Amino acid sequence: MTNVWNLNLKDRWSLYRRWTMDVRQRYRRAISLLHREFEWGVERLKKAKAMQDLGILEHADVIGMTTTGERGSVSAVMLEASGFF
């Protein structure tokens, strides 16, 4: 097909819907890939921050924390891994 204007109206609409569906699918795949990459980056950042926090805790002379702070920022696994328990 070289000229879509040679198609009847019903076929042109059908072709149009097909093209728009193809474009949407391509964008969805691209967005999905970017979302996975973003989530991977978020996890890497969380791990890096946890390692940074662990390094700070390992070199601290005094460690104090509220129960609210403990629940949100330092996991028992980090404290255990650093030898505090």
Protein backbone atom coordinates (compact mmCIF):
# COMPACT_ATOMS: atom_id res chain seq x y z
CA MET A 1 0.00 0.00 0.00
CA THR A 2 1.58 3.26 -1.08
CA ASN A 3 -1.34 5.64 -0.68
CA VAL A 4 -3.67 5.35 2.29
CA TRP A 5 -6.13 7.68 0.60
CA ASN A 6 -6.93 4.87 -1.83
CA LEU A 7 -8.44 2.93 1.09
CA ASN A 8 -12.07 3.30 1.99
CA LEU A 9 -12.92 5.17 5.20
CA LYS A 10 -13.46 2.03 7.29
CA ASP A 11 -10.07 0.59 6.28
CA ARG A 12 -8.30 3.91 6.90
CA TRP A 13 -9.74 4.03 10.43
CA SER A 14 -8.72 0.45 10.98
CA LEU A 15 -5.19 1.23 9.82
CA TYR A 16 -5.10 4.35 12.01
CA ARG A 17 -6.18 2.36 15.08
CA ARG A 18 -3.52 -0.24 14.32
CA TRP A 19 -0.82 2.42 14.05
CA THR A 20 -1.87 4.09 17.29
CA MET A 21 -1.96 0.73 19.06
CA ASP A 22 1.57 -0.05 17.83
CA VAL A 23 2.85 3.31 19.03
CA ARG A 24 1.22 2.89 22.45
CA GLN A 25 2.72 -0.59 22.84
CA ARG A 26 6.19 0.69 21.97
CA TYR A 27 5.90 3.49 24.53
CA ARG A 28 4.57 1.13 27.17
CA ARG A 29 7.52 -1.21 26.67
CA ALA A 30 9.97 1.70 26.81
CA ILE A 31 8.35 3.10 29.95
CA SER A 32 8.32 -0.33 31.55
CA LEU A 33 12.03 -0.76 30.88
CA LEU A 34 12.79 2.70 32.25
CA HIS A 35 10.69 1.96 35.33
CA ARG A 36 12.64 -1.25 36.01
CA GLU A 37 15.92 0.65 35.61
CA PHE A 38 14.65 3.34 37.99
CA GLU A 39 13.62 0.75 40.61
CA TRP A 40 17.02 -0.92 40.29
CA GLY A 41 18.66 2.47 40.86
CA VAL A 42 16.47 3.12 43.89
CA GLU A 43 17.53 -0.20 45.41
CA ARG A 44 21.20 0.57 44.73
CA LEU A 45 20.80 3.96 46.40
CA LYS A 46 19.12 2.39 49.44
CA LYS A 47 21.96 -0.12 49.78
CA ALA A 48 24.59 2.61 49.40
CA LYS A 49 22.90 4.74 52.07
CA ALA A 50 22.64 1.74 54.39
CA MET A 51 26.35 1.01 53.92
CA GLN A 52 27.15 4.66 54.58
CA ASP A 53 25.06 4.58 57.76
CA LEU A 54 26.79 1.37 58.84
CA GLY A 55 30.19 2.98 58.30
CA ILE A 56 29.16 5.93 60.43
CA LEU A 57 27.87 3.63 63.19
CA GLU A 58 31.05 1.53 63.16
CA HIS A 59 33.20 4.61 63.82
CA ALA A 60 30.94 6.29 66.37
CA ASP A 61 31.98 6.43 70.01
CA VAL A 62 28.44 6.91 71.30
CA ILE A 63 25.29 5.76 69.59
CA GLY A 64 21.94 7.09 70.69
CA MET A 65 18.61 6.71 69.02
CA THR A 66 14.97 7.20 69.81
CA THR A 67 12.59 4.31 69.35
CA THR A 68 10.96 6.26 66.53
CA GLY A 69 14.31 6.75 64.81
CA GLU A 70 15.27 3.10 65.21
CA ARG A 71 12.12 1.94 63.52
CA GLY A 72 12.70 4.06 60.43
CA SER A 73 16.41 4.36 59.82
CA VAL A 74 18.55 1.54 61.16
CA SER A 75 17.58 -2.07 60.84
CA ALA A 76 18.49 -4.66 63.43
CA VAL A 77 20.32 -6.52 60.68
CA MET A 78 22.65 -3.54 60.19
CA LEU A 79 23.33 -3.29 63.90
CA GLU A 80 23.84 -7.02 64.15
CA ALA A 81 26.20 -7.03 61.17
CA SER A 82 28.26 -4.27 62.72
CA GLY A 83 28.74 -6.24 65.96
CA PHE A 84 26.55 -4.10 68.22
CA PHE A 85 24.46 -7.11 69.30
